[in-house]
Amino acid sequence: MSLTDTACRQAKAGAKPAKLADGGGLYLLVNQTGKYWRWDYRYAGKRKTLALGVYPETTLAVARDRHQSMRKLLAGGVDPSQARKDDKRAARLAATNSFEAVAQAWMTERRPSVSVSTHTHTAGRMKNDVFPWLGKRPITEIDAPEILDVLKRIDGRGARYCAHKVRAEISMVFRYGIRQGVCKFDPAQSLIGAIPRHVTANFAAITEPAKVGELLRAFDSFNGTYPVACALKLAPLLFVRPGELRTMEWAAVDLDKGEWRYTVPKTKTPHLVPLARQVVAILRDLQALTGGGQYVFPGRNKHTNPMSGATINVALRRLGYDTQADMTGHGFRAMARTILHEELGQKPEVIEHQLAHRVPDTLGAAYNRTKFIKERKMMMQAWADYLDVLKAGASVVPLTRTA
């Protein structure tokens, strides 16, 4: 007779295991440890037993459904036990070779060769824009239309530059997978041009001397922390990239010589920044507060991290400046480049070297840390003095070019 749920529920374990048959080889095994659904069958002349679940988590109805599914496999000449092993193996491989697993392995391999910020930004884009839709998919099953849906979702929120970055990074994940033997082609490669070209806009920058003076005076009204206030004041004086300023380390600064030496993360080239008297004065005051740590501008975790990459822009917004239209942290470079040439008459090649740009010289060198160093020291001091004049609101007379 077929089992009933009542019979299953009331079955008690005895001294020996008991089998409550349901027909077709399906039975409920009752012993001291619990109640288990089992199916006895024969394949290739051998008797086999397949587990179908634990009662009551697996109800009588569910056990019967599983039983019927296994019987269909057997009728088709497939060993149900082997089919289950194959399914489990496929599931394990899918988990190991999921897009997220391969992407994480790629990011781990690439991490030593890129900057901390590059790794962080890539991981963030993957976590927020890619993994929720592609992460658990086996990398071998992902096709171009699926990737395009991800890119359109990003582009649809107005982040076209991010969409192009994500396409390139997805492509790198697939190329990594090809090298590792977990996939055979890169579907993201075929999507080049699928999203309209991103038009790069110049960073917002103030380049009119009178407005620069207003900006410098506004810095005095900043009511944030002292390190951030110092960072604001140093940003126009040094006009380095925001990421270079925020990761400035005390070990790289020589206040007695008036020099700051570091390696530019973007170009992997050594760079020297001459420090004007005004810069040295600011840093000496700040040294009393943060000099005991690694970073000149420490973050919340003072022992391990520098201040956030958004700090300067946030400070500018607090002062009332629109970082999209008025001024951005990167805009201090454009400010210096424009005014140094047009107002102070500095040579373009000297300015470009101070900006740590790759400008090949007559010998073919893309960049020389000490190139024009005398001119650059004079230029940086003249620049600091000029900013003082602008801040004071005095009439500015264009200066002659330095020797």
Protein backbone atom coordinates (compact mmCIF):
# COMPACT_ATOMS: atom_id res chain seq x y z
CA MET A 1 0.00 0.00 0.00
CA SER A 2 1.13 3.56 -0.71
CA LEU A 3 2.29 5.69 2.16
CA THR A 4 0.32 8.54 3.68
CA ASP A 5 1.70 11.67 5.30
CA THR A 6 0.13 10.55 8.57
CA ALA A 7 1.99 7.24 8.42
CA CYS A 8 5.24 9.08 7.72
CA ARG A 9 4.68 11.50 10.57
CA GLN A 10 3.73 8.79 13.12
CA ALA A 11 6.49 6.36 12.21
CA LYS A 12 8.73 5.66 15.22
CA ALA A 13 12.27 4.34 15.23
CA GLY A 14 12.67 0.85 16.65
CA ALA A 15 15.64 -1.21 17.65
CA LYS A 16 16.35 -1.82 14.00
CA PRO A 17 15.97 0.48 10.96
CA ALA A 18 12.58 0.16 9.28
CA LYS A 19 11.60 0.70 5.65
CA LEU A 20 8.14 2.07 4.89
CA ALA A 21 7.54 1.28 1.20
CA ASP A 22 5.65 3.64 -1.14
CA GLY A 23 5.98 1.55 -4.30
CA GLY A 24 8.34 1.48 -7.25
CA GLY A 25 11.35 1.10 -4.97
CA LEU A 26 10.66 4.34 -3.07
CA TYR A 27 10.61 4.04 0.72
CA LEU A 28 11.07 6.00 3.93
CA LEU A 29 13.99 4.71 5.98
CA VAL A 30 13.31 5.23 9.69
CA ASN A 31 16.12 4.81 12.21
CA GLN A 32 17.41 6.35 15.42
CA THR A 33 18.90 9.37 13.63
CA GLY A 34 15.89 10.38 11.53
CA LYS A 35 13.69 9.62 8.52
CA TYR A 36 15.21 9.44 5.05
CA TRP A 37 13.74 9.02 1.57
CA ARG A 38 15.50 6.31 -0.43
CA TRP A 39 15.01 4.70 -3.80
CA ASP A 40 16.35 1.29 -4.69
CA TYR A 41 16.82 0.58 -8.38
CA ARG A 42 18.94 -1.50 -10.75
CA TYR A 43 21.24 -0.16 -13.44
CA ALA A 44 23.41 -2.28 -15.70
CA GLY A 45 22.53 -5.28 -13.58
CA LYS A 46 23.69 -3.65 -10.33
CA ARG A 47 21.51 -2.70 -7.39
CA LYS A 48 21.85 0.93 -6.36
CA THR A 49 20.30 3.26 -3.78
CA LEU A 50 19.66 6.96 -4.30
CA ALA A 51 18.93 9.47 -1.51
CA LEU A 52 15.95 11.72 -2.26
CA GLY A 53 15.74 13.89 0.86
CA VAL A 54 15.03 13.98 4.59
CA TYR A 55 11.54 13.92 6.06
CA PRO A 56 9.79 16.21 7.04
CA GLU A 57 11.84 18.86 5.15
CA THR A 58 11.21 16.77 2.05
CA THR A 59 7.50 15.96 2.10
CA LEU A 60 5.91 12.81 0.72
CA ALA A 61 4.70 14.72 -2.34
CA VAL A 62 8.16 16.15 -3.08
CA ALA A 63 9.79 12.76 -2.60
CA ARG A 64 7.36 11.23 -5.12
CA ASP A 65 8.11 13.99 -7.66
CA ARG A 66 11.82 13.37 -7.34
CA HIS A 67 11.23 9.64 -7.59
CA GLN A 68 9.33 10.06 -10.84
CA SER A 69 12.02 12.32 -12.30
CA MET A 70 14.71 9.77 -11.50
CA ARG A 71 12.63 6.93 -12.99
CA LYS A 72 12.34 8.88 -16.24
CA LEU A 73 16.12 9.19 -16.38
CA LEU A 74 16.48 5.47 -15.75
CA ALA A 75 13.92 4.67 -18.47
CA GLY A 76 16.00 6.76 -20.84
CA GLY A 77 19.11 4.71 -20.15
CA VAL A 78 20.72 7.21 -17.76
CA ASP A 79 22.04 6.23 -14.36
CA PRO A 80 20.29 8.63 -11.92
CA SER A 81 23.18 8.46 -9.42
CA GLN A 82 25.74 9.43 -12.07
CA ALA A 83 23.44 12.15 -13.40
CA ARG A 84 23.26 13.67 -9.93
CA LYS A 85 27.05 13.58 -9.58
CA ASP A 86 27.40 15.25 -12.96
CA ASP A 87 24.94 17.98 -11.95
CA LYS A 88 26.83 18.66 -8.72
CA ARG A 89 30.14 18.79 -10.57
CA ALA A 90 28.68 21.19 -13.11
CA ALA A 91 27.35 23.38 -10.29
CA ARG A 92 30.78 23.47 -8.64
CA LEU A 93 32.46 24.36 -11.92
CA ALA A 94 29.86 27.05 -12.57
CA ALA A 95 30.55 28.55 -9.13
CA THR A 96 34.31 28.43 -9.67
CA ASN A 97 34.07 29.80 -13.18
CA SER A 98 31.35 32.33 -12.54
CA PHE A 99 32.04 35.78 -13.95
CA GLU A 100 32.51 37.15 -10.43
CA ALA A 101 35.03 34.45 -9.49
CA VAL A 102 37.07 35.05 -12.65
CA ALA A 103 36.83 38.83 -12.25
CA GLN A 104 38.03 38.64 -8.64
CA ALA A 105 40.98 36.49 -9.72
CA TRP A 106 41.82 38.99 -12.50
CA MET A 107 41.70 41.95 -10.09
CA THR A 108 43.93 40.09 -7.63
CA GLU A 109 46.50 39.36 -10.34
CA ARG A 110 46.42 42.96 -11.62
CA ARG A 111 46.49 44.66 -8.21
CA PRO A 112 50.29 44.91 -7.78
CA SER A 113 50.66 46.66 -11.16
CA VAL A 114 48.04 49.41 -10.69
CA SER A 115 47.54 52.20 -8.18
CA VAL A 116 45.38 51.74 -5.11
CA SER A 117 42.77 54.14 -6.49
CA THR A 118 42.62 52.30 -9.83
CA HIS A 119 42.06 48.98 -8.09
CA THR A 120 39.45 50.50 -5.78
CA HIS A 121 37.53 52.14 -8.61
CA THR A 122 37.54 48.95 -10.70
CA ALA A 123 36.34 46.88 -7.74
CA GLY A 124 33.61 49.43 -7.08
CA ARG A 125 32.37 49.39 -10.66
CA MET A 126 32.30 45.60 -10.67
CA LYS A 127 30.45 45.43 -7.37
CA ASN A 128 27.84 48.07 -8.21
CA ASP A 129 27.39 47.85 -11.97
CA VAL A 130 28.38 44.33 -13.10
CA PHE A 131 28.19 41.62 -10.43
CA PRO A 132 24.48 42.09 -9.60
CA TRP A 133 23.61 41.09 -13.19
CA LEU A 134 26.53 38.97 -14.43
CA GLY A 135 28.36 37.91 -11.27
CA LYS A 136 26.80 34.48 -10.73
CA ARG A 137 26.52 33.60 -14.41
CA PRO A 138 29.03 31.02 -15.74
CA ILE A 139 31.50 33.05 -17.74
CA THR A 140 31.17 30.65 -20.69
CA GLU A 141 27.44 31.38 -20.99
CA ILE A 142 27.62 35.19 -21.03
CA ASP A 143 27.06 36.69 -24.47
CA ALA A 144 27.36 40.17 -25.98
CA PRO A 145 23.67 41.15 -25.56
CA GLU A 146 23.88 40.48 -21.80
CA ILE A 147 26.94 42.69 -21.50
CA LEU A 148 25.31 45.37 -23.62
CA ASP A 149 22.35 45.45 -21.23
CA VAL A 150 24.79 46.19 -18.40
CA LEU A 151 26.45 48.97 -20.40
CA LYS A 152 23.13 50.54 -21.40
CA ARG A 153 22.01 50.54 -17.78
CA ILE A 154 25.13 52.53 -16.83
CA ASP A 155 24.89 54.86 -19.82
CA GLY A 156 21.20 55.41 -19.09
CA ARG A 157 21.99 57.12 -15.80
CA GLY A 158 24.31 59.57 -17.55
CA ALA A 159 27.60 57.80 -16.75
CA ARG A 160 28.85 57.28 -20.30
CA TYR A 161 32.53 57.40 -19.36
CA CYS A 162 31.88 54.73 -16.73
CA ALA A 163 30.08 52.58 -19.32
CA HIS A 164 33.16 52.63 -21.56
CA LYS A 165 35.44 51.82 -18.61
CA VAL A 166 33.23 48.90 -17.62
CA ARG A 167 33.22 47.48 -21.16
CA ALA A 168 37.01 47.59 -21.23
CA GLU A 169 37.27 45.97 -17.79
CA ILE A 170 34.78 43.21 -18.66
CA SER A 171 36.85 42.57 -21.78
CA MET A 172 39.99 42.25 -19.64
CA VAL A 173 38.21 39.73 -17.41
CA PHE A 174 37.37 37.59 -20.44
CA ARG A 175 40.91 37.83 -21.79
CA TYR A 176 42.17 36.73 -18.38
CA GLY A 177 39.69 33.83 -18.50
CA ILE A 178 40.98 32.83 -21.94
CA ARG A 179 44.54 32.71 -20.57
CA GLN A 180 43.34 30.57 -17.66
CA GLY A 181 41.42 28.21 -19.95
CA VAL A 182 37.99 28.88 -18.45
CA CYS A 183 36.50 30.52 -21.57
CA LYS A 184 37.32 30.66 -25.26
CA PHE A 185 36.38 34.13 -26.53
CA ASP A 186 35.71 37.70 -25.45
CA PRO A 187 32.15 38.84 -26.27
CA ALA A 188 32.85 42.34 -24.89
CA GLN A 189 35.33 42.95 -27.70
CA SER A 190 32.49 43.01 -30.23
CA LEU A 191 30.79 45.83 -28.26
CA ILE A 192 33.41 48.47 -29.02
CA GLY A 193 31.41 51.42 -30.35
CA ALA A 194 28.08 50.02 -29.13
CA ILE A 195 27.84 52.91 -26.66
CA PRO A 196 28.27 56.38 -28.23
CA ARG A 197 31.70 57.91 -27.78
CA HIS A 198 32.27 59.74 -24.53
CA VAL A 199 33.11 63.39 -25.11
CA THR A 200 35.66 64.42 -22.51
CA ALA A 201 34.92 67.75 -20.89
CA ASN A 202 37.68 69.91 -19.47
CA PHE A 203 37.92 70.09 -15.72
CA ALA A 204 36.25 73.21 -14.37
CA ALA A 205 38.91 75.79 -13.59
CA ILE A 206 39.17 79.46 -12.68
CA THR A 207 41.81 81.16 -14.80
CA GLU A 208 40.95 84.84 -14.41
CA PRO A 209 43.39 86.46 -11.92
CA ALA A 210 40.72 88.52 -10.12
CA LYS A 211 38.52 85.45 -9.58
CA VAL A 212 41.55 83.46 -8.42
CA GLY A 213 42.04 86.10 -5.73
CA GLU A 214 38.41 85.69 -4.64
CA LEU A 215 38.90 81.92 -4.44
CA LEU A 216 42.03 82.25 -2.31
CA ARG A 217 40.26 84.63 0.07
CA ALA A 218 37.36 82.18 0.32
CA PHE A 219 39.78 79.55 1.62
CA ASP A 220 40.20 81.61 4.79
CA SER A 221 36.52 81.13 5.59
CA PHE A 222 36.67 77.34 5.35
CA ASN A 223 35.47 75.85 8.65
CA GLY A 224 36.50 72.25 8.15
CA THR A 225 39.42 70.38 9.72
CA TYR A 226 42.87 71.95 9.77
CA PRO A 227 44.49 69.35 7.44
CA VAL A 228 41.78 69.90 4.83
CA ALA A 229 42.16 73.66 5.15
CA CYS A 230 45.89 73.24 4.53
CA ALA A 231 45.21 70.98 1.55
CA LEU A 232 42.98 73.69 0.05
CA LYS A 233 45.71 76.30 0.45
CA LEU A 234 48.40 74.01 -0.98
CA ALA A 235 46.37 72.85 -3.99
CA PRO A 236 46.89 76.04 -6.04
CA LEU A 237 50.46 76.52 -4.81
CA LEU A 238 51.60 73.03 -5.85
CA PHE A 239 49.10 72.35 -8.69
CA VAL A 240 49.77 68.60 -8.62
CA ARG A 241 47.10 66.03 -9.40
CA PRO A 242 44.52 65.67 -6.58
CA GLY A 243 45.50 62.05 -6.01
CA GLU A 244 49.15 63.04 -5.63
CA LEU A 245 48.32 65.79 -3.13
CA ARG A 246 46.11 63.66 -0.91
CA THR A 247 48.68 60.81 -0.77
CA MET A 248 51.59 63.14 0.00
CA GLU A 249 53.90 61.45 2.55
CA TRP A 250 56.09 63.15 5.11
CA ALA A 251 59.00 60.85 4.22
CA ALA A 252 59.03 62.32 0.71
CA VAL A 253 59.17 65.93 1.91
CA ASP A 254 62.40 67.77 2.76
CA LEU A 255 61.38 71.07 4.33
CA ASP A 256 64.97 72.20 4.83
CA LYS A 257 65.77 71.81 1.12
CA GLY A 258 62.28 72.89 0.09
CA GLU A 259 61.63 69.79 -2.02
CA TRP A 260 58.99 67.11 -2.40
CA ARG A 261 60.00 63.99 -4.34
CA TYR A 262 57.64 61.18 -5.29
CA THR A 263 56.71 58.85 -8.15
CA VAL A 264 53.78 59.96 -10.27
CA PRO A 265 51.24 57.09 -10.15
CA LYS A 266 49.83 57.92 -13.59
CA THR A 267 53.13 57.79 -15.48
CA LYS A 268 55.33 55.80 -13.05
CA THR A 269 57.97 58.54 -13.32
CA PRO A 270 59.88 60.24 -10.50
CA HIS A 271 58.91 63.86 -9.91
CA LEU A 272 60.34 66.78 -7.97
CA VAL A 273 58.23 69.67 -6.72
CA PRO A 274 60.19 72.73 -5.48
CA LEU A 275 58.49 74.15 -2.40
CA ALA A 276 58.08 77.90 -2.16
CA ARG A 277 58.56 79.63 1.20
CA GLN A 278 54.77 79.89 1.63
CA VAL A 279 54.41 76.12 1.11
CA VAL A 280 57.15 75.31 3.61
CA ALA A 281 55.47 77.53 6.20
CA ILE A 282 52.12 75.76 5.80
CA LEU A 283 53.74 72.33 5.99
CA ARG A 284 55.77 73.18 9.11
CA ASP A 285 52.58 74.21 10.91
CA LEU A 286 50.79 71.07 9.74
CA GLN A 287 53.72 68.87 10.72
CA ALA A 288 52.97 69.48 14.38
CA LEU A 289 49.58 67.84 13.88
CA THR A 290 50.16 65.04 11.36
CA GLY A 291 53.95 64.72 11.24
CA GLY A 292 53.91 61.59 13.39
CA GLY A 293 52.06 59.61 10.72
CA GLN A 294 52.72 58.46 7.18
CA TYR A 295 50.51 60.90 5.32
CA VAL A 296 50.58 64.68 5.36
CA PHE A 297 46.78 64.61 4.97
CA PRO A 298 45.57 61.50 6.84
CA GLY A 299 42.08 60.11 6.49
CA ARG A 300 39.77 58.85 9.20
CA ASN A 301 42.10 55.94 9.87
CA LYS A 302 45.16 58.08 10.48
CA HIS A 303 47.56 55.14 10.58
CA THR A 304 46.80 53.51 7.23
CA ASN A 305 44.86 55.75 4.86
CA PRO A 306 45.21 59.22 3.33
CA MET A 307 42.25 61.56 3.09
CA SER A 308 39.48 60.69 0.65
CA GLY A 309 39.82 61.48 -3.03
CA ALA A 310 36.63 63.55 -2.85
CA THR A 311 37.79 65.76 0.02
CA ILE A 312 39.00 68.76 -2.02
CA ASN A 313 35.88 68.85 -4.20
CA VAL A 314 33.65 68.54 -1.14
CA ALA A 315 35.50 71.45 0.47
CA LEU A 316 35.08 73.56 -2.67
CA ARG A 317 31.36 72.85 -2.70
CA ARG A 318 31.11 73.85 0.95
CA LEU A 319 32.63 77.18 -0.04
CA GLY A 320 29.92 77.63 -2.66
CA TYR A 321 31.81 76.56 -5.79
CA ASP A 322 30.14 74.27 -8.32
CA THR A 323 32.73 71.56 -9.09
CA GLN A 324 31.07 70.87 -12.43
CA ALA A 325 30.99 74.47 -13.69
CA ASP A 326 33.22 76.65 -11.47
CA MET A 327 36.21 74.90 -9.97
CA THR A 328 37.38 71.37 -9.29
CA GLY A 329 40.37 69.91 -7.49
CA HIS A 330 42.00 69.09 -10.81
CA GLY A 331 41.32 72.60 -12.07
CA PHE A 332 44.24 74.07 -10.12
CA ARG A 333 46.52 72.56 -12.77
CA ALA A 334 44.73 74.39 -15.58
CA MET A 335 44.73 77.54 -13.47
CA ALA A 336 48.50 77.39 -13.02
CA ARG A 337 49.23 76.37 -16.62
CA THR A 338 47.20 79.26 -18.03
CA ILE A 339 48.27 82.05 -15.70
CA LEU A 340 51.94 81.04 -15.50
CA HIS A 341 52.21 81.36 -19.25
CA GLU A 342 49.86 84.24 -20.01
CA GLU A 343 50.44 86.45 -16.96
CA LEU A 344 53.89 85.50 -15.69
CA GLY A 345 55.44 84.75 -19.08
CA GLN A 346 56.85 81.37 -18.06
CA LYS A 347 58.16 79.05 -20.76
CA PRO A 348 55.67 76.32 -21.75
CA GLU A 349 58.32 73.59 -21.53
CA VAL A 350 59.17 74.58 -17.94
CA ILE A 351 55.50 74.57 -16.97
CA GLU A 352 54.93 71.17 -18.61
CA HIS A 353 57.84 69.64 -16.74
CA GLN A 354 56.51 71.00 -13.47
CA LEU A 355 53.11 69.50 -14.32
CA ALA A 356 54.90 66.13 -14.74
CA HIS A 357 53.63 65.76 -18.29
CA ARG A 358 55.35 63.47 -20.76
CA VAL A 359 57.03 65.96 -23.09
CA PRO A 360 59.87 64.39 -25.14
CA ASP A 361 62.96 66.55 -25.37
CA THR A 362 65.58 66.68 -28.12
CA LEU A 363 67.23 63.56 -26.69
CA GLY A 364 63.98 61.62 -26.77
CA ALA A 365 63.48 61.46 -23.01
CA ALA A 366 59.81 61.68 -22.13
CA TYR A 367 60.44 63.27 -18.77
CA ASN A 368 63.44 64.28 -16.66
CA ARG A 369 62.83 64.95 -12.98
CA THR A 370 65.60 67.52 -12.76
CA LYS A 371 65.02 69.16 -16.15
CA PHE A 372 64.80 72.98 -15.81
CA ILE A 373 65.08 72.58 -12.04
CA LYS A 374 66.58 76.07 -11.50
CA GLU A 375 63.88 77.67 -13.63
CA ARG A 376 61.20 75.62 -11.90
CA LYS A 377 62.37 76.67 -8.42
CA MET A 378 62.24 80.30 -9.46
CA MET A 379 58.88 79.78 -11.15
CA MET A 380 57.29 78.10 -8.12
CA GLN A 381 58.41 80.93 -5.82
CA ALA A 382 57.22 83.56 -8.31
CA TRP A 383 53.90 81.73 -8.54
CA ALA A 384 53.44 81.68 -4.76
CA ASP A 385 54.29 85.37 -4.53
CA TYR A 386 51.87 86.15 -7.34
CA LEU A 387 49.06 84.25 -5.58
CA ASP A 388 49.73 86.30 -2.44
CA VAL A 389 49.26 89.46 -4.49
CA LEU A 390 46.03 88.16 -5.97
CA LYS A 391 44.72 87.17 -2.56
CA ALA A 392 45.49 90.65 -1.18
CA GLY A 393 43.37 92.08 -3.98
CA ALA A 394 46.14 94.35 -5.27
CA SER A 395 46.45 95.44 -8.87
CA VAL A 396 48.47 92.86 -10.76
CA VAL A 397 51.05 93.85 -13.34
CA PRO A 398 52.23 91.05 -15.69
CA LEU A 399 55.73 90.00 -14.65
CA THR A 400 58.65 89.49 -16.98
CA ARG A 401 59.72 85.96 -17.82
CA THR A 402 62.16 84.41 -15.39
CA ALA A 403 65.63 83.58 -16.58
